[in-house]
Amino acid sequence: MEQILIRNLPPGTKAALRRHAEQHHRSMEAEVRRILADALQHQPESLVDLLASDEGADIEFTPQRLGLGTRTTDL
């Protein structure tokens, strides 16, 4: 099981977490785990993350040229 220690929380954060946990009938530790899990679940995965994961092992990806040309600048 992994652990994390968070230092230097803004004033009142721990008390707010405790109140939030009590409202959901959870321990403060369980509430923080839930908050982190929810936050990470809603993060869109990038294509690089998807291809690097086991789920992306069967994806065939062939990048295509964007058709962009070069341009010169006047200095």
PDB file of N, CA and C in Angstrom:
ATOM      1  N   MET A   1       0.847  -1.170   0.000  1.00  0.00           N
ATOM      2  CA  MET A   1       0.000   0.000   0.000  1.00  0.00           C
ATOM      3  C   MET A   1       0.895   1.236   0.000  1.00  0.00           C
ATOM      4  N   GLU A   2       0.599   2.154  -0.896  1.00  0.00           N
ATOM      5  CA  GLU A   2       1.384   3.378  -0.982  1.00  0.00           C
ATOM      6  C   GLU A   2       0.880   4.412   0.009  1.00  0.00           C
ATOM      7  N   GLN A   3       1.779   5.306   0.399  1.00  0.00           N
ATOM      8  CA  GLN A   3       1.428   6.359   1.347  1.00  0.00           C
ATOM      9  C   GLN A   3       1.932   7.687   0.816  1.00  0.00           C
ATOM     10  N   ILE A   4       1.336   8.755   1.320  1.00  0.00           N
ATOM     11  CA  ILE A   4       1.757  10.101   0.943  1.00  0.00           C
ATOM     12  C   ILE A   4       1.629  10.998   2.172  1.00  0.00           C
ATOM     13  N   LEU A   5       2.567  11.896   2.320  1.00  0.00           N
ATOM     14  CA  LEU A   5       2.538  12.881   3.398  1.00  0.00           C
ATOM     15  C   LEU A   5       2.460  14.248   2.735  1.00  0.00           C
ATOM     16  N   ILE A   6       1.498  15.039   3.109  1.00  0.00           N
ATOM     17  CA  ILE A   6       1.329  16.365   2.509  1.00  0.00           C
ATOM     18  C   ILE A   6       1.645  17.404   3.569  1.00  0.00           C
ATOM     19  N   ARG A   7       2.651  18.190   3.298  1.00  0.00           N
ATOM     20  CA  ARG A   7       3.079  19.231   4.237  1.00  0.00           C
ATOM     21  C   ARG A   7       2.581  20.596   3.775  1.00  0.00           C
ATOM     22  N   ASN A   8       2.585  21.529   4.685  1.00  0.00           N
ATOM     23  CA  ASN A   8       2.304  22.941   4.406  1.00  0.00           C
ATOM     24  C   ASN A   8       0.937  23.176   3.771  1.00  0.00           C
ATOM     25  N   LEU A   9      -0.091  22.525   4.303  1.00  0.00           N
ATOM     26  CA  LEU A   9      -1.451  22.796   3.842  1.00  0.00           C
ATOM     27  C   LEU A   9      -1.839  24.214   4.246  1.00  0.00           C
ATOM     28  N   PRO A  10      -2.643  24.861   3.444  1.00  0.00           N
ATOM     29  CA  PRO A  10      -3.114  26.200   3.837  1.00  0.00           C
ATOM     30  C   PRO A  10      -3.924  26.116   5.136  1.00  0.00           C
ATOM     31  N   PRO A  11      -3.913  27.179   5.916  1.00  0.00           N
ATOM     32  CA  PRO A  11      -4.665  27.176   7.171  1.00  0.00           C
ATOM     33  C   PRO A  11      -6.134  26.813   6.937  1.00  0.00           C
ATOM     34  N   GLY A  12      -6.663  25.979   7.796  1.00  0.00           N
ATOM     35  CA  GLY A  12      -8.068  25.600   7.726  1.00  0.00           C
ATOM     36  C   GLY A  12      -8.363  24.402   6.840  1.00  0.00           C
ATOM     37  N   THR A  13      -7.381  23.937   6.079  1.00  0.00           N
ATOM     38  CA  THR A  13      -7.610  22.827   5.154  1.00  0.00           C
ATOM     39  C   THR A  13      -7.933  21.538   5.905  1.00  0.00           C
ATOM     40  N   LYS A  14      -7.175  21.253   6.935  1.00  0.00           N
ATOM     41  CA  LYS A  14      -7.394  20.016   7.682  1.00  0.00           C
ATOM     42  C   LYS A  14      -8.770  20.022   8.351  1.00  0.00           C
ATOM     43  N   ALA A  15      -9.160  21.152   8.919  1.00  0.00           N
ATOM     44  CA  ALA A  15     -10.473  21.258   9.557  1.00  0.00           C
ATOM     45  C   ALA A  15     -11.586  21.107   8.525  1.00  0.00           C
ATOM     46  N   ALA A  16     -11.406  21.701   7.349  1.00  0.00           N
ATOM     47  CA  ALA A  16     -12.411  21.579   6.282  1.00  0.00           C
ATOM     48  C   ALA A  16     -12.529  20.135   5.813  1.00  0.00           C
ATOM     49  N   LEU A  17     -11.401  19.448   5.694  1.00  0.00           N
ATOM     50  CA  LEU A  17     -11.430  18.034   5.313  1.00  0.00           C
ATOM     51  C   LEU A  17     -12.143  17.191   6.365  1.00  0.00           C
ATOM     52  N   ARG A  18     -11.888  17.501   7.615  1.00  0.00           N
ATOM     53  CA  ARG A  18     -12.536  16.758   8.703  1.00  0.00           C
ATOM     54  C   ARG A  18     -14.057  16.948   8.649  1.00  0.00           C
ATOM     55  N   ARG A  19     -14.508  18.191   8.436  1.00  0.00           N
ATOM     56  CA  ARG A  19     -15.953  18.448   8.328  1.00  0.00           C
ATOM     57  C   ARG A  19     -16.551  17.734   7.119  1.00  0.00           C
ATOM     58  N   HIS A  20     -15.852  17.790   6.002  1.00  0.00           N
ATOM     59  CA  HIS A  20     -16.303  17.127   4.774  1.00  0.00           C
ATOM     60  C   HIS A  20     -16.422  15.627   5.002  1.00  0.00           C
ATOM     61  N   ALA A  21     -15.452  15.042   5.679  1.00  0.00           N
ATOM     62  CA  ALA A  21     -15.461  13.609   5.962  1.00  0.00           C
ATOM     63  C   ALA A  21     -16.634  13.245   6.868  1.00  0.00           C
ATOM     64  N   GLU A  22     -16.876  14.064   7.872  1.00  0.00           N
ATOM     65  CA  GLU A  22     -17.989  13.799   8.781  1.00  0.00           C
ATOM     66  C   GLU A  22     -19.327  13.840   8.047  1.00  0.00           C
ATOM     67  N   GLN A  23     -19.468  14.766   7.100  1.00  0.00           N
ATOM     68  CA  GLN A  23     -20.709  14.868   6.327  1.00  0.00           C
ATOM     69  C   GLN A  23     -20.956  13.609   5.489  1.00  0.00           C
ATOM     70  N   HIS A  24     -19.881  12.952   5.080  1.00  0.00           N
ATOM     71  CA  HIS A  24     -20.003  11.747   4.258  1.00  0.00           C
ATOM     72  C   HIS A  24     -19.836  10.463   5.077  1.00  0.00           C
ATOM     73  N   HIS A  25     -19.778  10.612   6.393  1.00  0.00           N
ATOM     74  CA  HIS A  25     -19.652   9.468   7.310  1.00  0.00           C
ATOM     75  C   HIS A  25     -18.424   8.620   6.990  1.00  0.00           C
ATOM     76  N   ARG A  26     -17.308   9.317   6.765  1.00  0.00           N
ATOM     77  CA  ARG A  26     -16.041   8.649   6.488  1.00  0.00           C
ATOM     78  C   ARG A  26     -14.978   9.215   7.410  1.00  0.00           C
ATOM     79  N   SER A  27     -13.878   8.462   7.521  1.00  0.00           N
ATOM     80  CA  SER A  27     -12.724   9.011   8.230  1.00  0.00           C
ATOM     81  C   SER A  27     -12.099  10.081   7.332  1.00  0.00           C
ATOM     82  N   MET A  28     -11.296  10.924   7.927  1.00  0.00           N
ATOM     83  CA  MET A  28     -10.650  11.964   7.134  1.00  0.00           C
ATOM     84  C   MET A  28      -9.738  11.328   6.082  1.00  0.00           C
ATOM     85  N   GLU A  29      -9.048  10.284   6.453  1.00  0.00           N
ATOM     86  CA  GLU A  29      -8.157   9.595   5.519  1.00  0.00           C
ATOM     87  C   GLU A  29      -8.942   9.004   4.347  1.00  0.00           C
ATOM     88  N   ALA A  30     -10.078   8.378   4.627  1.00  0.00           N
ATOM     89  CA  ALA A  30     -10.910   7.808   3.556  1.00  0.00           C
ATOM     90  C   ALA A  30     -11.464   8.907   2.662  1.00  0.00           C
ATOM     91  N   GLU A  31     -11.798  10.046   3.247  1.00  0.00           N
ATOM     92  CA  GLU A  31     -12.329  11.165   2.463  1.00  0.00           C
ATOM     93  C   GLU A  31     -11.260  11.709   1.504  1.00  0.00           C
ATOM     94  N   VAL A  32     -10.033  11.834   1.986  1.00  0.00           N
ATOM     95  CA  VAL A  32      -8.944  12.314   1.137  1.00  0.00           C
ATOM     96  C   VAL A  32      -8.689  11.321   0.003  1.00  0.00           C
ATOM     97  N   ARG A  33      -8.716  10.027   0.300  1.00  0.00           N
ATOM     98  CA  ARG A  33      -8.551   9.012  -0.763  1.00  0.00           C
ATOM     99  C   ARG A  33      -9.646   9.161  -1.810  1.00  0.00           C
ATOM    100  N   ARG A  34     -10.879   9.381  -1.360  1.00  0.00           N
ATOM    101  CA  ARG A  34     -12.008   9.527  -2.293  1.00  0.00           C
ATOM    102  C   ARG A  34     -11.838  10.775  -3.154  1.00  0.00           C
ATOM    103  N   ILE A  35     -11.450  11.881  -2.540  1.00  0.00           N
ATOM    104  CA  ILE A  35     -11.246  13.131  -3.273  1.00  0.00           C
ATOM    105  C   ILE A  35     -10.157  12.963  -4.335  1.00  0.00           C
ATOM    106  N   LEU A  36      -9.047  12.345  -3.963  1.00  0.00           N
ATOM    107  CA  LEU A  36      -7.955  12.136  -4.918  1.00  0.00           C
ATOM    108  C   LEU A  36      -8.381  11.204  -6.049  1.00  0.00           C
ATOM    109  N   ALA A  37      -9.067  10.124  -5.706  1.00  0.00           N
ATOM    110  CA  ALA A  37      -9.511   9.173  -6.732  1.00  0.00           C
ATOM    111  C   ALA A  37     -10.476   9.845  -7.700  1.00  0.00           C
ATOM    112  N   ASP A  38     -11.418  10.638  -7.177  1.00  0.00           N
ATOM    113  CA  ASP A  38     -12.370  11.343  -8.042  1.00  0.00           C
ATOM    114  C   ASP A  38     -11.659  12.340  -8.956  1.00  0.00           C
ATOM    115  N   ALA A  39     -10.708  13.077  -8.394  1.00  0.00           N
ATOM    116  CA  ALA A  39      -9.984  14.074  -9.185  1.00  0.00           C
ATOM    117  C   ALA A  39      -9.191  13.420 -10.312  1.00  0.00           C
ATOM    118  N   LEU A  40      -8.560  12.308 -10.023  1.00  0.00           N
ATOM    119  CA  LEU A  40      -7.751  11.637 -11.039  1.00  0.00           C
ATOM    120  C   LEU A  40      -8.613  10.920 -12.064  1.00  0.00           C
ATOM    121  N   GLN A  41      -9.779  10.481 -11.670  1.00  0.00           N
ATOM    122  CA  GLN A  41     -10.672   9.791 -12.597  1.00  0.00           C
ATOM    123  C   GLN A  41     -11.175  10.753 -13.669  1.00  0.00           C
ATOM    124  N   HIS A  42     -11.355  12.013 -13.330  1.00  0.00           N
ATOM    125  CA  HIS A  42     -11.891  12.988 -14.274  1.00  0.00           C
ATOM    126  C   HIS A  42     -10.819  13.644 -15.132  1.00  0.00           C
ATOM    127  N   GLN A  43      -9.567  13.305 -14.886  1.00  0.00           N
ATOM    128  CA  GLN A  43      -8.476  13.850 -15.696  1.00  0.00           C
ATOM    129  C   GLN A  43      -8.436  13.129 -17.034  1.00  0.00           C
ATOM    130  N   PRO A  44      -8.534  13.835 -18.132  1.00  0.00           N
ATOM    131  CA  PRO A  44      -8.422  13.144 -19.420  1.00  0.00           C
ATOM    132  C   PRO A  44      -7.004  12.623 -19.617  1.00  0.00           C
ATOM    133  N   GLU A  45      -6.899  11.403 -20.095  1.00  0.00           N
ATOM    134  CA  GLU A  45      -5.579  10.839 -20.359  1.00  0.00           C
ATOM    135  C   GLU A  45      -5.082  11.346 -21.705  1.00  0.00           C
ATOM    136  N   SER A  46      -3.816  11.610 -21.778  1.00  0.00           N
ATOM    137  CA  SER A  46      -3.240  12.034 -23.041  1.00  0.00           C
ATOM    138  C   SER A  46      -3.005  10.801 -23.907  1.00  0.00           C
ATOM    139  N   LEU A  47      -2.784  11.008 -25.168  1.00  0.00           N
ATOM    140  CA  LEU A  47      -2.504   9.912 -26.081  1.00  0.00           C
ATOM    141  C   LEU A  47      -1.239   9.176 -25.651  1.00  0.00           C
ATOM    142  N   VAL A  48      -0.258   9.904 -25.170  1.00  0.00           N
ATOM    143  CA  VAL A  48       0.990   9.298 -24.713  1.00  0.00           C
ATOM    144  C   VAL A  48       0.719   8.385 -23.513  1.00  0.00           C
ATOM    145  N   ASP A  49      -0.109   8.853 -22.563  1.00  0.00           N
ATOM    146  CA  ASP A  49      -0.459   8.025 -21.405  1.00  0.00           C
ATOM    147  C   ASP A  49      -1.186   6.764 -21.832  1.00  0.00           C
ATOM    148  N   LEU A  50      -2.129   6.912 -22.751  1.00  0.00           N
ATOM    149  CA  LEU A  50      -2.899   5.768 -23.211  1.00  0.00           C
ATOM    150  C   LEU A  50      -2.012   4.744 -23.905  1.00  0.00           C
ATOM    151  N   LEU A  51      -1.123   5.199 -24.768  1.00  0.00           N
ATOM    152  CA  LEU A  51      -0.244   4.278 -25.488  1.00  0.00           C
ATOM    153  C   LEU A  51       0.750   3.603 -24.552  1.00  0.00           C
ATOM    154  N   ALA A  52       1.126   4.280 -23.479  1.00  0.00           N
ATOM    155  CA  ALA A  52       2.087   3.711 -22.533  1.00  0.00           C
ATOM    156  C   ALA A  52       1.441   2.713 -21.575  1.00  0.00           C
ATOM    157  N   SER A  53       0.133   2.742 -21.464  1.00  0.00           N
ATOM    158  CA  SER A  53      -0.548   1.846 -20.527  1.00  0.00           C
ATOM    159  C   SER A  53      -0.780   0.478 -21.151  1.00  0.00           C
ATOM    160  N   ASP A  54      -1.153  -0.478 -20.312  1.00  0.00           N
ATOM    161  CA  ASP A  54      -1.495  -1.812 -20.810  1.00  0.00           C
ATOM    162  C   ASP A  54      -2.702  -1.759 -21.727  1.00  0.00           C
ATOM    163  N   GLU A  55      -3.632  -0.846 -21.457  1.00  0.00           N
ATOM    164  CA  GLU A  55      -4.822  -0.707 -22.292  1.00  0.00           C
ATOM    165  C   GLU A  55      -4.466  -0.262 -23.698  1.00  0.00           C
ATOM    166  N   GLY A  56      -3.363   0.464 -23.842  1.00  0.00           N
ATOM    167  CA  GLY A  56      -2.958   0.959 -25.145  1.00  0.00           C
ATOM    168  C   GLY A  56      -2.093  -0.006 -25.923  1.00  0.00           C
ATOM    169  N   ALA A  57      -1.860  -1.195 -25.380  1.00  0.00           N
ATOM    170  CA  ALA A  57      -0.961  -2.152 -26.030  1.00  0.00           C
ATOM    171  C   ALA A  57      -1.474  -2.599 -27.392  1.00  0.00           C
ATOM    172  N   ASP A  58      -2.777  -2.640 -27.580  1.00  0.00           N
ATOM    173  CA  ASP A  58      -3.345  -3.113 -28.839  1.00  0.00           C
ATOM    174  C   ASP A  58      -3.647  -1.993 -29.825  1.00  0.00           C
ATOM    175  N   ILE A  59      -3.339  -0.763 -29.466  1.00  0.00           N
ATOM    176  CA  ILE A  59      -3.632   0.366 -30.348  1.00  0.00           C
ATOM    177  C   ILE A  59      -2.500   0.530 -31.350  1.00  0.00           C
ATOM    178  N   GLU A  60      -2.867   0.595 -32.615  1.00  0.00           N
ATOM    179  CA  GLU A  60      -1.878   0.890 -33.651  1.00  0.00           C
ATOM    180  C   GLU A  60      -1.980   2.369 -33.960  1.00  0.00           C
ATOM    181  N   PHE A  61      -0.868   3.030 -33.899  1.00  0.00           N
ATOM    182  CA  PHE A  61      -0.856   4.472 -34.092  1.00  0.00           C
ATOM    183  C   PHE A  61       0.194   4.829 -35.121  1.00  0.00           C
ATOM    184  N   THR A  62      -0.238   5.433 -36.199  1.00  0.00           N
ATOM    185  CA  THR A  62       0.680   5.880 -37.235  1.00  0.00           C
ATOM    186  C   THR A  62       0.491   7.382 -37.395  1.00  0.00           C
ATOM    187  N   PRO A  63       1.443   8.155 -36.937  1.00  0.00           N
ATOM    188  CA  PRO A  63       1.289   9.607 -37.062  1.00  0.00           C
ATOM    189  C   PRO A  63       1.326  10.033 -38.530  1.00  0.00           C
ATOM    190  N   GLN A  64       0.556  11.043 -38.839  1.00  0.00           N
ATOM    191  CA  GLN A  64       0.528  11.564 -40.201  1.00  0.00           C
ATOM    192  C   GLN A  64       1.108  12.965 -40.208  1.00  0.00           C
ATOM    193  N   ARG A  65       1.636  13.323 -41.316  1.00  0.00           N
ATOM    194  CA  ARG A  65       2.163  14.670 -41.463  1.00  0.00           C
ATOM    195  C   ARG A  65       1.010  15.657 -41.453  1.00  0.00           C
ATOM    196  N   LEU A  66       1.240  16.790 -40.881  1.00  0.00           N
ATOM    197  CA  LEU A  66       0.204  17.801 -40.777  1.00  0.00           C
ATOM    198  C   LEU A  66       0.111  18.672 -42.019  1.00  0.00           C
ATOM    199  N   GLY A  67       1.037  18.537 -42.928  1.00  0.00           N
ATOM    200  CA  GLY A  67       0.999  19.340 -44.141  1.00  0.00           C
ATOM    201  C   GLY A  67       1.406  20.790 -43.908  1.00  0.00           C
ATOM    202  N   LEU A  68       2.128  21.019 -42.840  1.00  0.00           N
ATOM    203  CA  LEU A  68       2.575  22.373 -42.563  1.00  0.00           C
ATOM    204  C   LEU A  68       3.830  22.691 -43.347  1.00  0.00           C
ATOM    205  N   GLY A  69       3.887  23.868 -43.871  1.00  0.00           N
ATOM    206  CA  GLY A  69       5.073  24.289 -44.592  1.00  0.00           C
ATOM    207  C   GLY A  69       5.918  25.186 -43.736  1.00  0.00           C
ATOM    208  N   THR A  70       7.091  25.487 -44.217  1.00  0.00           N
ATOM    209  CA  THR A  70       7.960  26.404 -43.492  1.00  0.00           C
ATOM    210  C   THR A  70       7.702  27.819 -43.980  1.00  0.00           C
ATOM    211  N   ARG A  71       8.020  28.752 -43.179  1.00  0.00           N
ATOM    212  CA  ARG A  71       7.899  30.130 -43.612  1.00  0.00           C
ATOM    213  C   ARG A  71       9.152  30.879 -43.206  1.00  0.00           C
ATOM    214  N   THR A  72       9.467  31.864 -43.950  1.00  0.00           N
ATOM    215  CA  THR A  72      10.650  32.661 -43.654  1.00  0.00           C
ATOM    216  C   THR A  72      10.241  33.927 -42.944  1.00  0.00           C
ATOM    217  N   THR A  73      11.129  34.411 -42.145  1.00  0.00           N
ATOM    218  CA  THR A  73      10.844  35.650 -41.433  1.00  0.00           C
ATOM    219  C   THR A  73      11.753  36.746 -41.946  1.00  0.00           C
ATOM    220  N   ASP A  74      11.254  37.925 -41.957  1.00  0.00           N
ATOM    221  CA  ASP A  74      12.055  39.088 -42.346  1.00  0.00           C
ATOM    222  C   ASP A  74      12.712  39.646 -41.080  1.00  0.00           C
ATOM    223  N   LEU A  75      13.996  39.636 -41.063  1.00  0.00           N
ATOM    224  CA  LEU A  75      14.705  40.143 -39.894  1.00  0.00           C
ATOM    225  C   LEU A  75      15.216  41.526 -40.111  1.00  0.00           C
TER     226      LEU A  75
END
